[in-house]
Each structure stands twice: as structure tokens, then as C-alpha cells.
């Protein structure tokens, strides 16, 4: 759908969006990483000052809705260490392969997430990036490259990255050590030339951002998150848990935090709990599954997503989450369906069949 406004109202932890159900804030998590203590703090904050139904976003971030005291929430977020830069907090949109360094992949991109986040916040001009501009660090798995990031790197071997522009292989190859400087340089150039564009794909010619770039094919979308029992290369265990429709209740978040293990919020609205020994992993699985988290990779919940819909969004023509849940078992095998309340189609995953509410049913828009 064509964009109809040029002002960037994308919410952050400090820039509040006024939704139909009240104030909404979005907390950026670099690479989706969040500590148990930080997740517990967000759960407590949501219960005290907003809706306990926290939302996981398609960029691995967390939203809190229906906030009654925005100043108190901002203070709580800062106190939890989730506001490293008040000026740059909306532009810290960094996705990374969620199992990097633990399972699969050609190299560990986690140190690059930390480096990129720090560098991004260090340049004053990069505070001018749009709130939707997305960076990606793919360890060669191909998971986050398929999200069509504005700029990213994709490991082609242990020493080399392909540079991604607007989700396409640019044809440019760089050593691993040049990854963060290259990403920062492209972002700086985008700020200079973007005009009213929010995304690299909106530029008439994205190659102006990177010397020698020749846009190639898009990386294919990966429709599902890592789910279930995942044995790490060090013998420990990660648990991948899908969160139905991306709604993480504060009470469930508190149980996740109680496992006291590293957590990653993925761009598929799921959670990865890592570095568990087998006994702890088994206990966690038995506790968390009855709370509604999905550990079965064949579950139809993995092929279903939705925007907020009514009553939270005043633009929505339907309660899309209720409609999606009612249609849980109606989908065709292998097809991801994303239910939305209006043609803006917020949060639509790459490669999904988008079902748009019309007020008297849904019309489909295929990828």
C-alpha cells in the first residue's frame, strides 16, 4: 500500500503513540536480547501502568499498550537498562539470527550486535533515521536476511559477509571486521539522501548508498521461528517458544524470567530461552507449555499472525485477533496467514498471505 503521510510517528519508549486504547510505547531490543531481570521489570511495569497483554513485534521488540502514566513507564524502562540512548532509542532496530553462536550458522554475530548498537548511538546524525529503518546481522542461516532489512550483512563463510540492501544481495562482499563500519556508512548516506523516504526500498536507486552495489535477488523469507528443543553446539539446550498472535501476558513473562537464562525475542513473535542444562530445560518446558507457549513445530499457531485490530486500533474494521483465532485450523498447509484490520497491513511478514478486513469479511492479498 502507498504511504499516505510523510511525518514519522513510529512509537518508541519515549515517543508515545496515542492508540484507541490509550498510550502505546515500543521498547527496542538490539538483536532481540533481553535479560530475565529486564523482562520481569517490563512485566511489572505493564501490570502496574498499562495492559498486561504485552505485544511482541515483527522486529523482535516489545510494546506496552493502554499506559496510564507514561513518565513512570519511561522511568521504569530506563531503570531496567533498556534506554541506552534517549536520542537514538527509536532507531535501534537491529535484528540478528536468534540462535547465532549456539546452533547453526557460519559465525557468531552477537558481538557485532553489541558493536553496531553502540556505534549507531554514537553518531548524532543517525538519530534522524526513520523509526522503521532496519539493520540485520545474519550468521549465514538465512533467517533474518529474509525479513528484507534496509541494510544488513549475511555471512557467506566464516570470514566474509554479503551486504544486503532493501532485502537484496547487493553483490558487495566485505570482511567480517568491516561489517559495522559498512552498516553505519550506509545508514549515514541514507540520512543524507532519503528525502521523505522511510525505507531503502522507497529510494529510486538504492545503489547510491553503497559503491559497486548491483542489486540481486531477495533472500527468501523464513516463515517460522525456531521452535522446540534445540541442542546447542556446546551441549546445552535452547527452547524455542512461539507466542500465539504475539501476545505475551505479563504473568507468562514473569515465568519466563524465572528460568533465569538468556532470552531472545525473535522477529517471528517468539521467544528463545538459551544455555539451559537438560534438567532445567525439561522443567521449563513442563511449566511453560501449559501457560500457552507453543513448543510444537507442527502447531498451526506458527502459520498465523495478526495486527492489533479492535479495540486497540481505531483504524481497524474488525477484532482481527479473535477472527484469526477462530480460523486457526482453516489454513492451507505451508501458507502463513496474517490478519489485518485495514489496508495498512501493519506487521505483515515477508511471504505471508495478508487477509484484510473489509467490514464484511476479509479480502486476500498474496505475497
Foldseek 3Di string as FASTA:
>chain_A
DDDDDLDFQDAALQRWDQWLLGTKHKFADQQQWDFLQLLLLVCVQLVVFAPLFWFQFLQNIIMRPNGDDSVVSSVSCVVRVRPPDPLQRLVSREHEQNCAPWDDAQHHCVVVSVVLSVVCRVDNLSSLARSPQHEYEYRQPLAVLQQQHQWYWHDPHNFKTFIGHRQFRQVDIDTPVCGNVLVVQLSNVCSVPVVSDNGCVPDPDSCVSDPPGDTDDGRHYDQFDQAAWDQTPVRATKHKWAAQQRTDRSVLSNLVSVLRAIWGRHSLSIIIGDDHHPVSVVVSCVVNVVVPTDRDPPQLSSQEYEDCAPPGHPQFLGRFSVVRVVCSPVDDPPAREYEYRAVVSPRDGPQHWYWYDDNVGTDTDGD
